[in-house]
Amino acid sequence: MSTAVSETTIYEHPLNEKMRTFLRLEHLFLQVNHHLLQNDVWSSRATVSGLLDMGNIFSRADIKADLIKELDRHREKLANIRRTQGIDTQRLDQILDELGKATDRIYQISGQIGHSIRSNEFLKSILQRSSIPGGTCAFDLPQYHYWLEQSHELRQHDLQAWLHSLDSIQVAVTLLLSLVRGSTDPTREQAPGGFFQRSLEPQTPAQLIRVGLPKGTQLFAEISGGKHRFSVRFLEPAEQERPAQTQQDISFLLNTCIL
């Protein structure tokens, strides 16, 4: 997006299940990578929580097949535009090389993604208590409490070992989302009375909707939609009441990502 990220708040909405899964995985990778750098016990807890959430995602979907399919699809699309006049072939070849390497790394994963995490008895014991409010406290999980009382270096070693098995997934998800987000330039749109709606071309299925508002705007964007159309409502936050759609005409930036 041409507007500086630091000046814009971006709201995203996936338009298919694969994109929804990739965005959730990105969110969890960002969470664990942030807390992994901290040396306190609560950060270790947050890292484990994110790791277990990823394990749940991997158990419900064939992420390996989805990633390979998307990586191959992007390689084919980008290869087809290589001869287009004005294309930066050097940059394009670099991206194609990154896609190829990411695909090779996914193929090298043996078995189902996340199996080593889900089969780890220590992590399984935490997962079984995680659905209970406060269920991972010290008296419920004494072994977890014991582990959290160990040195930061020991906890860091274990966490990095568990996350290492997911390195290839993080690289692939990050690369795919970067390509999708960068596939279109933003357009300036207007939402009369805080509402915007647009139909989508079925021949060029969109992957992701991105809505940008200047930071500090006292509104947030609520996006809904599927493969045929999407809508954006701009709502005014309220502490004691449900947010209400603004009656103002709102100018915003829109990316309809179709790659």
C-alpha atoms as a PDB file:
ATOM      1  CA  MET A   1       0.000   0.000   0.000  1.00  0.00           C
ATOM      2  CA  SER A   2       1.411   3.357  -0.987  1.00  0.00           C
ATOM      3  CA  THR A   3       0.291   5.124   2.172  1.00  0.00           C
ATOM      4  CA  ALA A   4       2.813   4.575   4.943  1.00  0.00           C
ATOM      5  CA  VAL A   5       1.788   1.764   7.249  1.00  0.00           C
ATOM      6  CA  SER A   6       2.606   3.920  10.266  1.00  0.00           C
ATOM      7  CA  GLU A   7      -0.042   6.417   9.123  1.00  0.00           C
ATOM      8  CA  THR A   8      -2.774   3.901   8.264  1.00  0.00           C
ATOM      9  CA  THR A   9      -4.799   1.325  10.139  1.00  0.00           C
ATOM     10  CA  ILE A  10      -5.511  -1.675   7.899  1.00  0.00           C
ATOM     11  CA  TYR A  11      -8.570  -3.906   8.258  1.00  0.00           C
ATOM     12  CA  GLU A  12      -8.474  -7.194   6.359  1.00  0.00           C
ATOM     13  CA  HIS A  13     -11.066  -9.771   5.428  1.00  0.00           C
ATOM     14  CA  PRO A  14     -10.323 -13.141   3.757  1.00  0.00           C
ATOM     15  CA  LEU A  15     -12.632 -14.263   0.971  1.00  0.00           C
ATOM     16  CA  ASN A  16     -11.947 -18.007   1.134  1.00  0.00           C
ATOM     17  CA  GLU A  17     -11.135 -20.615   3.751  1.00  0.00           C
ATOM     18  CA  LYS A  18      -7.478 -21.027   2.782  1.00  0.00           C
ATOM     19  CA  MET A  19      -6.815 -17.316   3.143  1.00  0.00           C
ATOM     20  CA  ARG A  20      -8.642 -17.330   6.484  1.00  0.00           C
ATOM     21  CA  THR A  21      -6.354 -20.110   7.733  1.00  0.00           C
ATOM     22  CA  PHE A  22      -3.199 -18.393   6.467  1.00  0.00           C
ATOM     23  CA  LEU A  23      -4.127 -15.130   8.218  1.00  0.00           C
ATOM     24  CA  ARG A  24      -4.750 -16.954  11.487  1.00  0.00           C
ATOM     25  CA  LEU A  25      -1.410 -18.730  11.215  1.00  0.00           C
ATOM     26  CA  GLU A  26       0.347 -15.426  10.490  1.00  0.00           C
ATOM     27  CA  HIS A  27      -1.281 -13.927  13.579  1.00  0.00           C
ATOM     28  CA  LEU A  28      -0.061 -16.820  15.733  1.00  0.00           C
ATOM     29  CA  PHE A  29       3.468 -16.732  14.308  1.00  0.00           C
ATOM     30  CA  LEU A  30       3.655 -13.009  15.077  1.00  0.00           C
ATOM     31  CA  GLN A  31       2.443 -13.722  18.612  1.00  0.00           C
ATOM     32  CA  VAL A  32       4.931 -16.472  19.371  1.00  0.00           C
ATOM     33  CA  ASN A  33       7.841 -14.638  17.732  1.00  0.00           C
ATOM     34  CA  HIS A  34       7.125 -11.563  19.851  1.00  0.00           C
ATOM     35  CA  HIS A  35       6.872 -13.404  23.156  1.00  0.00           C
ATOM     36  CA  LEU A  36       9.746 -15.755  22.374  1.00  0.00           C
ATOM     37  CA  LEU A  37      12.145 -12.820  22.685  1.00  0.00           C
ATOM     38  CA  GLN A  38      10.988 -11.998  26.230  1.00  0.00           C
ATOM     39  CA  ASN A  39      12.538 -13.723  29.250  1.00  0.00           C
ATOM     40  CA  ASP A  40       9.589 -13.650  31.675  1.00  0.00           C
ATOM     41  CA  VAL A  41       7.319 -16.551  32.581  1.00  0.00           C
ATOM     42  CA  TRP A  42       4.160 -14.943  31.169  1.00  0.00           C
ATOM     43  CA  SER A  43       5.801 -14.563  27.778  1.00  0.00           C
ATOM     44  CA  SER A  44       6.713 -18.249  27.833  1.00  0.00           C
ATOM     45  CA  ARG A  45       3.071 -19.016  28.620  1.00  0.00           C
ATOM     46  CA  ALA A  46       1.928 -16.840  25.691  1.00  0.00           C
ATOM     47  CA  THR A  47       4.387 -18.604  23.372  1.00  0.00           C
ATOM     48  CA  VAL A  48       3.103 -22.031  24.417  1.00  0.00           C
ATOM     49  CA  SER A  49      -0.489 -20.843  23.992  1.00  0.00           C
ATOM     50  CA  GLY A  50       0.185 -19.689  20.439  1.00  0.00           C
ATOM     51  CA  LEU A  51       2.004 -22.919  19.653  1.00  0.00           C
ATOM     52  CA  LEU A  52      -0.934 -25.013  20.840  1.00  0.00           C
ATOM     53  CA  ASP A  53      -3.371 -22.882  18.844  1.00  0.00           C
ATOM     54  CA  MET A  54      -1.327 -23.602  15.728  1.00  0.00           C
ATOM     55  CA  GLY A  55      -1.398 -27.299  16.555  1.00  0.00           C
ATOM     56  CA  ASN A  56      -5.189 -27.123  16.645  1.00  0.00           C
ATOM     57  CA  ILE A  57      -5.289 -25.498  13.209  1.00  0.00           C
ATOM     58  CA  PHE A  58      -2.979 -28.139  11.745  1.00  0.00           C
ATOM     59  CA  SER A  59      -5.195 -30.914  13.126  1.00  0.00           C
ATOM     60  CA  ARG A  60      -8.313 -29.523  11.404  1.00  0.00           C
ATOM     61  CA  ALA A  61      -7.005 -28.779   7.918  1.00  0.00           C
ATOM     62  CA  ASP A  62      -4.546 -30.216   5.409  1.00  0.00           C
ATOM     63  CA  ILE A  63      -2.261 -27.190   5.540  1.00  0.00           C
ATOM     64  CA  LYS A  64       0.510 -28.994   3.667  1.00  0.00           C
ATOM     65  CA  ALA A  65      -1.649 -29.631   0.598  1.00  0.00           C
ATOM     66  CA  ASP A  66      -3.140 -26.115   0.729  1.00  0.00           C
ATOM     67  CA  LEU A  67       0.297 -24.481   0.868  1.00  0.00           C
ATOM     68  CA  ILE A  68       1.706 -26.550  -1.991  1.00  0.00           C
ATOM     69  CA  LYS A  69      -1.352 -25.808  -4.131  1.00  0.00           C
ATOM     70  CA  GLU A  70      -1.131 -22.065  -3.467  1.00  0.00           C
ATOM     71  CA  LEU A  71       2.643 -21.911  -3.996  1.00  0.00           C
ATOM     72  CA  ASP A  72       2.289 -23.742  -7.327  1.00  0.00           C
ATOM     73  CA  ARG A  73      -0.602 -21.487  -8.363  1.00  0.00           C
ATOM     74  CA  HIS A  74       1.425 -18.358  -7.689  1.00  0.00           C
ATOM     75  CA  ARG A  75       4.437 -19.719  -9.551  1.00  0.00           C
ATOM     76  CA  GLU A  76       2.298 -20.472 -12.589  1.00  0.00           C
ATOM     77  CA  LYS A  77       0.633 -17.062 -12.573  1.00  0.00           C
ATOM     78  CA  LEU A  78       3.903 -15.175 -12.179  1.00  0.00           C
ATOM     79  CA  ALA A  79       5.678 -17.284 -14.794  1.00  0.00           C
ATOM     80  CA  ASN A  80       2.916 -16.459 -17.284  1.00  0.00           C
ATOM     81  CA  ILE A  81       3.478 -12.705 -16.934  1.00  0.00           C
ATOM     82  CA  ARG A  82       7.258 -12.886 -17.245  1.00  0.00           C
ATOM     83  CA  ARG A  83       7.212 -11.776 -20.913  1.00  0.00           C
ATOM     84  CA  THR A  84       4.906  -8.831 -20.237  1.00  0.00           C
ATOM     85  CA  GLN A  85       6.517  -5.585 -21.337  1.00  0.00           C
ATOM     86  CA  GLY A  86       7.804  -3.453 -18.486  1.00  0.00           C
ATOM     87  CA  ILE A  87       8.012  -6.293 -15.956  1.00  0.00           C
ATOM     88  CA  ASP A  88      11.005  -6.236 -13.618  1.00  0.00           C
ATOM     89  CA  THR A  89      12.259  -9.687 -14.635  1.00  0.00           C
ATOM     90  CA  GLN A  90      15.068  -9.662 -12.075  1.00  0.00           C
ATOM     91  CA  ARG A  91      12.640  -9.141  -9.194  1.00  0.00           C
ATOM     92  CA  LEU A  92      10.180 -11.616 -10.726  1.00  0.00           C
ATOM     93  CA  ASP A  93      12.869 -14.294 -11.014  1.00  0.00           C
ATOM     94  CA  GLN A  94      13.806 -13.686  -7.371  1.00  0.00           C
ATOM     95  CA  ILE A  95      10.180 -14.228  -6.289  1.00  0.00           C
ATOM     96  CA  LEU A  96       9.880 -17.359  -8.444  1.00  0.00           C
ATOM     97  CA  ASP A  97      13.044 -18.691  -6.825  1.00  0.00           C
ATOM     98  CA  GLU A  98      11.640 -17.991  -3.337  1.00  0.00           C
ATOM     99  CA  LEU A  99       8.403 -19.778  -4.269  1.00  0.00           C
ATOM    100  CA  GLY A 100      10.347 -22.759  -5.564  1.00  0.00           C
ATOM    101  CA  LYS A 101      12.456 -23.030  -2.421  1.00  0.00           C
ATOM    102  CA  ALA A 102       9.393 -22.664  -0.187  1.00  0.00           C
ATOM    103  CA  THR A 103       7.638 -25.447  -2.110  1.00  0.00           C
ATOM    104  CA  ASP A 104      10.658 -27.751  -1.795  1.00  0.00           C
ATOM    105  CA  ARG A 105      10.770 -27.186   1.969  1.00  0.00           C
ATOM    106  CA  ILE A 106       7.088 -28.053   2.346  1.00  0.00           C
ATOM    107  CA  TYR A 107       7.563 -31.249   0.326  1.00  0.00           C
ATOM    108  CA  GLN A 108      10.384 -32.242   2.684  1.00  0.00           C
ATOM    109  CA  ILE A 109       8.059 -32.264   5.686  1.00  0.00           C
ATOM    110  CA  SER A 110       7.328 -35.881   6.540  1.00  0.00           C
ATOM    111  CA  GLY A 111       3.846 -36.723   7.775  1.00  0.00           C
ATOM    112  CA  GLN A 112       1.204 -34.247   8.880  1.00  0.00           C
ATOM    113  CA  ILE A 113       2.295 -30.764   9.849  1.00  0.00           C
ATOM    114  CA  GLY A 114       2.397 -30.215  13.601  1.00  0.00           C
ATOM    115  CA  HIS A 115       2.399 -33.935  14.466  1.00  0.00           C
ATOM    116  CA  SER A 116       5.478 -33.581  16.693  1.00  0.00           C
ATOM    117  CA  ILE A 117       3.703 -30.861  18.690  1.00  0.00           C
ATOM    118  CA  ARG A 118       0.405 -32.733  19.056  1.00  0.00           C
ATOM    119  CA  SER A 119       2.181 -35.955  20.046  1.00  0.00           C
ATOM    120  CA  ASN A 120       4.339 -34.296  22.718  1.00  0.00           C
ATOM    121  CA  GLU A 121       2.935 -35.559  26.044  1.00  0.00           C
ATOM    122  CA  PHE A 122       3.967 -32.437  27.950  1.00  0.00           C
ATOM    123  CA  LEU A 123       2.257 -30.106  25.462  1.00  0.00           C
ATOM    124  CA  LYS A 124      -0.775 -32.416  25.268  1.00  0.00           C
ATOM    125  CA  SER A 125      -1.254 -32.144  29.032  1.00  0.00           C
ATOM    126  CA  ILE A 126      -1.348 -28.338  28.722  1.00  0.00           C
ATOM    127  CA  LEU A 127      -3.703 -28.460  25.750  1.00  0.00           C
ATOM    128  CA  GLN A 128      -6.173 -30.670  27.621  1.00  0.00           C
ATOM    129  CA  ARG A 129      -6.504 -28.041  30.371  1.00  0.00           C
ATOM    130  CA  SER A 130      -6.428 -24.972  28.103  1.00  0.00           C
ATOM    131  CA  SER A 131     -10.171 -24.972  27.396  1.00  0.00           C
ATOM    132  CA  ILE A 132     -10.923 -24.608  31.132  1.00  0.00           C
ATOM    133  CA  PRO A 133     -10.877 -20.991  32.412  1.00  0.00           C
ATOM    134  CA  GLY A 134      -7.663 -20.710  34.422  1.00  0.00           C
ATOM    135  CA  GLY A 135      -7.045 -24.406  33.776  1.00  0.00           C
ATOM    136  CA  THR A 136      -3.297 -24.024  33.247  1.00  0.00           C
ATOM    137  CA  CYS A 137      -2.563 -22.601  36.708  1.00  0.00           C
ATOM    138  CA  ALA A 138       0.055 -24.165  38.950  1.00  0.00           C
ATOM    139  CA  PHE A 139      -2.122 -26.574  40.967  1.00  0.00           C
ATOM    140  CA  ASP A 140      -3.760 -27.966  37.791  1.00  0.00           C
ATOM    141  CA  LEU A 141      -0.489 -28.532  35.932  1.00  0.00           C
ATOM    142  CA  PRO A 142       2.418 -28.991  38.363  1.00  0.00           C
ATOM    143  CA  GLN A 143       4.740 -30.193  35.575  1.00  0.00           C
ATOM    144  CA  TYR A 144       4.019 -27.032  33.597  1.00  0.00           C
ATOM    145  CA  HIS A 145       4.651 -24.978  36.744  1.00  0.00           C
ATOM    146  CA  TYR A 146       7.955 -26.819  37.221  1.00  0.00           C
ATOM    147  CA  TRP A 147       8.969 -26.081  33.604  1.00  0.00           C
ATOM    148  CA  LEU A 148       8.060 -22.409  33.942  1.00  0.00           C
ATOM    149  CA  GLU A 149      10.279 -22.190  37.043  1.00  0.00           C
ATOM    150  CA  GLN A 150      13.320 -23.297  35.039  1.00  0.00           C
ATOM    151  CA  SER A 151      15.827 -20.817  33.619  1.00  0.00           C
ATOM    152  CA  HIS A 152      14.966 -18.631  30.664  1.00  0.00           C
ATOM    153  CA  GLU A 153      17.687 -20.390  28.668  1.00  0.00           C
ATOM    154  CA  LEU A 154      16.129 -23.820  29.206  1.00  0.00           C
ATOM    155  CA  ARG A 155      12.626 -22.606  28.359  1.00  0.00           C
ATOM    156  CA  GLN A 156      13.987 -20.801  25.305  1.00  0.00           C
ATOM    157  CA  HIS A 157      15.734 -23.981  24.140  1.00  0.00           C
ATOM    158  CA  ASP A 158      12.530 -26.029  24.403  1.00  0.00           C
ATOM    159  CA  LEU A 159      10.349 -23.400  22.744  1.00  0.00           C
ATOM    160  CA  GLN A 160      12.739 -22.971  19.827  1.00  0.00           C
ATOM    161  CA  ALA A 161      12.930 -26.732  19.360  1.00  0.00           C
ATOM    162  CA  TRP A 162       9.119 -27.018  19.197  1.00  0.00           C
ATOM    163  CA  LEU A 163       8.822 -24.066  16.823  1.00  0.00           C
ATOM    164  CA  HIS A 164      11.658 -25.224  14.571  1.00  0.00           C
ATOM    165  CA  SER A 165       9.407 -27.866  13.020  1.00  0.00           C
ATOM    166  CA  LEU A 166       7.161 -25.044  11.765  1.00  0.00           C
ATOM    167  CA  ASP A 167       9.859 -22.860  10.158  1.00  0.00           C
ATOM    168  CA  SER A 168       8.951 -23.951   6.622  1.00  0.00           C
ATOM    169  CA  ILE A 169       5.290 -23.185   7.254  1.00  0.00           C
ATOM    170  CA  GLN A 170       6.048 -19.693   8.504  1.00  0.00           C
ATOM    171  CA  VAL A 171       8.217 -18.937   5.462  1.00  0.00           C
ATOM    172  CA  ALA A 172       5.530 -20.151   3.044  1.00  0.00           C
ATOM    173  CA  VAL A 173       2.641 -18.348   4.770  1.00  0.00           C
ATOM    174  CA  THR A 174       4.610 -15.094   5.004  1.00  0.00           C
ATOM    175  CA  LEU A 175       5.610 -15.259   1.338  1.00  0.00           C
ATOM    176  CA  LEU A 176       2.098 -16.041   0.079  1.00  0.00           C
ATOM    177  CA  LEU A 177       0.443 -13.292   2.111  1.00  0.00           C
ATOM    178  CA  SER A 178       3.083 -10.797   1.004  1.00  0.00           C
ATOM    179  CA  LEU A 179       2.390 -11.599  -2.648  1.00  0.00           C
ATOM    180  CA  VAL A 180      -1.374 -11.397  -2.204  1.00  0.00           C
ATOM    181  CA  ARG A 181      -1.217  -8.088  -0.346  1.00  0.00           C
ATOM    182  CA  GLY A 182       1.127  -6.584  -2.906  1.00  0.00           C
ATOM    183  CA  SER A 183      -0.835  -7.770  -5.934  1.00  0.00           C
ATOM    184  CA  THR A 184      -2.854  -4.547  -6.340  1.00  0.00           C
ATOM    185  CA  ASP A 185      -2.483  -0.840  -5.719  1.00  0.00           C
ATOM    186  CA  PRO A 186      -5.003   0.821  -3.403  1.00  0.00           C
ATOM    187  CA  THR A 187      -7.862   2.886  -4.767  1.00  0.00           C
ATOM    188  CA  ARG A 188      -9.546   5.797  -3.024  1.00  0.00           C
ATOM    189  CA  GLU A 189     -13.206   4.985  -2.388  1.00  0.00           C
ATOM    190  CA  GLN A 190     -16.213   6.638  -0.742  1.00  0.00           C
ATOM    191  CA  ALA A 191     -18.702   5.027   1.645  1.00  0.00           C
ATOM    192  CA  PRO A 192     -21.883   7.179   1.715  1.00  0.00           C
ATOM    193  CA  GLY A 193     -23.416   7.056   5.173  1.00  0.00           C
ATOM    194  CA  GLY A 194     -20.672   4.694   6.292  1.00  0.00           C
ATOM    195  CA  PHE A 195     -21.578   1.854   3.910  1.00  0.00           C
ATOM    196  CA  PHE A 196     -19.781   0.479   0.855  1.00  0.00           C
ATOM    197  CA  GLN A 197     -20.575  -2.549  -1.301  1.00  0.00           C
ATOM    198  CA  ARG A 198     -19.022  -4.005  -4.430  1.00  0.00           C
ATOM    199  CA  SER A 199     -19.572  -7.051  -6.620  1.00  0.00           C
ATOM    200  CA  LEU A 200     -16.625  -9.268  -7.536  1.00  0.00           C
ATOM    201  CA  GLU A 201     -15.738 -10.748 -10.903  1.00  0.00           C
ATOM    202  CA  PRO A 202     -16.125 -14.542 -10.739  1.00  0.00           C
ATOM    203  CA  GLN A 203     -13.515 -14.938 -13.510  1.00  0.00           C
ATOM    204  CA  THR A 204     -10.820 -13.358 -11.318  1.00  0.00           C
ATOM    205  CA  PRO A 205     -11.532 -14.648  -7.804  1.00  0.00           C
ATOM    206  CA  ALA A 206     -10.419 -12.235  -5.113  1.00  0.00           C
ATOM    207  CA  GLN A 207      -8.445 -13.534  -2.157  1.00  0.00           C
ATOM    208  CA  LEU A 208      -8.407 -10.693   0.336  1.00  0.00           C
ATOM    209  CA  ILE A 209     -10.025  -7.316   1.021  1.00  0.00           C
ATOM    210  CA  ARG A 210      -7.937  -4.599   2.688  1.00  0.00           C
ATOM    211  CA  VAL A 211      -9.458  -1.359   3.969  1.00  0.00           C
ATOM    212  CA  GLY A 212      -7.242   1.509   5.097  1.00  0.00           C
ATOM    213  CA  LEU A 213      -8.180   4.405   7.405  1.00  0.00           C
ATOM    214  CA  PRO A 214      -5.892   7.154   8.725  1.00  0.00           C
ATOM    215  CA  LYS A 215      -4.644   6.414  12.229  1.00  0.00           C
ATOM    216  CA  GLY A 216      -6.643   8.314  14.794  1.00  0.00           C
ATOM    217  CA  THR A 217      -9.922   7.987  12.880  1.00  0.00           C
ATOM    218  CA  GLN A 218     -12.688   7.411  15.416  1.00  0.00           C
ATOM    219  CA  LEU A 219     -14.151   4.591  13.336  1.00  0.00           C
ATOM    220  CA  PHE A 220     -13.423   0.966  12.567  1.00  0.00           C
ATOM    221  CA  ALA A 221     -14.252  -1.077   9.480  1.00  0.00           C
ATOM    222  CA  GLU A 222     -16.417  -4.204   9.635  1.00  0.00           C
ATOM    223  CA  ILE A 223     -16.005  -6.218   6.421  1.00  0.00           C
ATOM    224  CA  SER A 224     -18.121  -9.134   5.269  1.00  0.00           C
ATOM    225  CA  GLY A 225     -18.370 -10.993   2.015  1.00  0.00           C
ATOM    226  CA  GLY A 226     -17.578 -13.989  -0.132  1.00  0.00           C
ATOM    227  CA  LYS A 227     -16.596 -14.808  -3.694  1.00  0.00           C
ATOM    228  CA  HIS A 228     -19.443 -12.829  -5.310  1.00  0.00           C
ATOM    229  CA  ARG A 229     -19.508  -9.552  -3.367  1.00  0.00           C
ATOM    230  CA  PHE A 230     -18.326  -7.818  -0.220  1.00  0.00           C
ATOM    231  CA  SER A 231     -19.467  -4.928   1.934  1.00  0.00           C
ATOM    232  CA  VAL A 232     -17.819  -2.561   4.392  1.00  0.00           C
ATOM    233  CA  ARG A 233     -19.558  -0.846   7.273  1.00  0.00           C
ATOM    234  CA  PHE A 234     -17.798   1.899   9.184  1.00  0.00           C
ATOM    235  CA  LEU A 235     -18.791   1.811  12.829  1.00  0.00           C
ATOM    236  CA  GLU A 236     -18.372   4.252  15.693  1.00  0.00           C
ATOM    237  CA  PRO A 237     -17.006   2.515  18.810  1.00  0.00           C
ATOM    238  CA  ALA A 238     -18.926   2.857  22.054  1.00  0.00           C
ATOM    239  CA  GLU A 239     -17.930   1.753  25.543  1.00  0.00           C
ATOM    240  CA  GLN A 240     -21.350   0.970  26.992  1.00  0.00           C
ATOM    241  CA  GLU A 241     -23.396   0.305  23.863  1.00  0.00           C
ATOM    242  CA  ARG A 242     -23.139  -1.669  20.655  1.00  0.00           C
ATOM    243  CA  PRO A 243     -21.148   0.138  17.933  1.00  0.00           C
ATOM    244  CA  ALA A 244     -23.368   1.998  15.484  1.00  0.00           C
ATOM    245  CA  GLN A 245     -22.801   2.626  11.786  1.00  0.00           C
ATOM    246  CA  THR A 246     -21.665   6.179  11.208  1.00  0.00           C
ATOM    247  CA  GLN A 247     -23.877   8.502   9.191  1.00  0.00           C
ATOM    248  CA  GLN A 248     -20.868  10.311   7.727  1.00  0.00           C
ATOM    249  CA  ASP A 249     -19.547   9.846   4.206  1.00  0.00           C
ATOM    250  CA  ILE A 250     -16.215   8.085   4.663  1.00  0.00           C
ATOM    251  CA  SER A 251     -13.199   8.249   2.374  1.00  0.00           C
ATOM    252  CA  PHE A 252     -10.953   5.190   2.609  1.00  0.00           C
ATOM    253  CA  LEU A 253      -8.303   3.164   0.773  1.00  0.00           C
ATOM    254  CA  LEU A 254      -9.282  -0.179  -0.723  1.00  0.00           C
ATOM    255  CA  ASN A 255      -7.234  -3.110  -1.981  1.00  0.00           C
ATOM    256  CA  THR A 256      -9.082  -5.977  -3.648  1.00  0.00           C
ATOM    257  CA  CYS A 257      -6.289  -8.547  -3.787  1.00  0.00           C
ATOM    258  CA  ILE A 258      -6.833 -11.036  -6.628  1.00  0.00           C
ATOM    259  CA  LEU A 259      -3.477 -12.780  -7.140  1.00  0.00           C
END
